[in-house]
């Protein structure tokens, strides 16, 4: 499973950022993940310029 972090901004936007690739995505030339993924951690940050 690929693992992501979920970043929540003060303006209610959010973004998923990749933390680590799964075994299949690491070995794929385009790092494509066709399986399940999980959210490893969640952050709350003040709003940057939207």
C-alpha atoms as a PDB file:
ATOM      1  CA  UNK A   1       0.000   0.000   0.000  1.00  0.00           C
ATOM      2  CA  UNK A   2       1.192   3.477  -0.815  1.00  0.00           C
ATOM      3  CA  UNK A   3       1.058   5.815   2.155  1.00  0.00           C
ATOM      4  CA  UNK A   4       0.019   9.472   2.091  1.00  0.00           C
ATOM      5  CA  UNK A   5      -0.223  12.344   4.546  1.00  0.00           C
ATOM      6  CA  UNK A   6      -3.336  14.522   4.587  1.00  0.00           C
ATOM      7  CA  UNK A   7      -2.691  18.242   5.065  1.00  0.00           C
ATOM      8  CA  UNK A   8      -5.636  20.425   6.130  1.00  0.00           C
ATOM      9  CA  UNK A   9      -5.261  24.193   5.730  1.00  0.00           C
ATOM     10  CA  UNK A  10      -7.130  26.881   7.691  1.00  0.00           C
ATOM     11  CA  UNK A  11      -9.111  27.878   4.564  1.00  0.00           C
ATOM     12  CA  UNK A  12     -10.654  24.347   4.439  1.00  0.00           C
ATOM     13  CA  UNK A  13      -8.528  23.194   1.494  1.00  0.00           C
ATOM     14  CA  UNK A  14      -6.665  19.929   1.876  1.00  0.00           C
ATOM     15  CA  UNK A  15      -3.907  18.128   0.015  1.00  0.00           C
ATOM     16  CA  UNK A  16      -2.641  14.543  -0.066  1.00  0.00           C
ATOM     17  CA  UNK A  17       1.130  14.168  -0.260  1.00  0.00           C
ATOM     18  CA  UNK A  18       2.909  10.881  -0.890  1.00  0.00           C
ATOM     19  CA  UNK A  19       5.032   9.603   2.005  1.00  0.00           C
ATOM     20  CA  UNK A  20       6.166   6.253   0.594  1.00  0.00           C
ATOM     21  CA  UNK A  21       5.526   3.994  -2.375  1.00  0.00           C
ATOM     22  CA  UNK A  22       4.313   0.417  -2.079  1.00  0.00           C
ATOM     23  CA  UNK A  23       6.429  -2.460  -3.421  1.00  0.00           C
ATOM     24  CA  UNK A  24       4.738  -2.434  -6.838  1.00  0.00           C
ATOM     25  CA  UNK A  25       4.965   1.343  -7.290  1.00  0.00           C
ATOM     26  CA  UNK A  26       8.669   1.325  -6.367  1.00  0.00           C
ATOM     27  CA  UNK A  27       9.366  -1.224  -9.102  1.00  0.00           C
ATOM     28  CA  UNK A  28       7.135   0.398 -11.745  1.00  0.00           C
ATOM     29  CA  UNK A  29       9.009   2.833 -14.053  1.00  0.00           C
ATOM     30  CA  UNK A  30       6.236   5.449 -13.660  1.00  0.00           C
ATOM     31  CA  UNK A  31       5.670   4.721  -9.925  1.00  0.00           C
ATOM     32  CA  UNK A  32       2.017   3.918 -10.637  1.00  0.00           C
ATOM     33  CA  UNK A  33       0.122   2.475  -7.695  1.00  0.00           C
ATOM     34  CA  UNK A  34      -2.900   0.393  -8.688  1.00  0.00           C
ATOM     35  CA  UNK A  35      -3.639  -0.964  -5.228  1.00  0.00           C
ATOM     36  CA  UNK A  36      -5.026   0.359  -1.993  1.00  0.00           C
ATOM     37  CA  UNK A  37      -3.516   3.320  -0.169  1.00  0.00           C
ATOM     38  CA  UNK A  38      -3.640   4.641   3.393  1.00  0.00           C
ATOM     39  CA  UNK A  39      -3.315   7.974   5.163  1.00  0.00           C
ATOM     40  CA  UNK A  40      -0.328   7.703   7.478  1.00  0.00           C
ATOM     41  CA  UNK A  41      -0.630  11.051   9.234  1.00  0.00           C
ATOM     42  CA  UNK A  42      -2.769  14.183   9.228  1.00  0.00           C
ATOM     43  CA  UNK A  43      -1.531  17.767   9.590  1.00  0.00           C
ATOM     44  CA  UNK A  44      -3.361  21.045  10.250  1.00  0.00           C
ATOM     45  CA  UNK A  45      -1.565  24.132   8.970  1.00  0.00           C
ATOM     46  CA  UNK A  46      -2.463  27.809   8.647  1.00  0.00           C
ATOM     47  CA  UNK A  47      -3.561  28.881   5.189  1.00  0.00           C
ATOM     48  CA  UNK A  48      -0.865  29.741   2.702  1.00  0.00           C
ATOM     49  CA  UNK A  49      -1.800  31.929  -0.252  1.00  0.00           C
ATOM     50  CA  UNK A  50      -4.811  30.244  -1.883  1.00  0.00           C
END
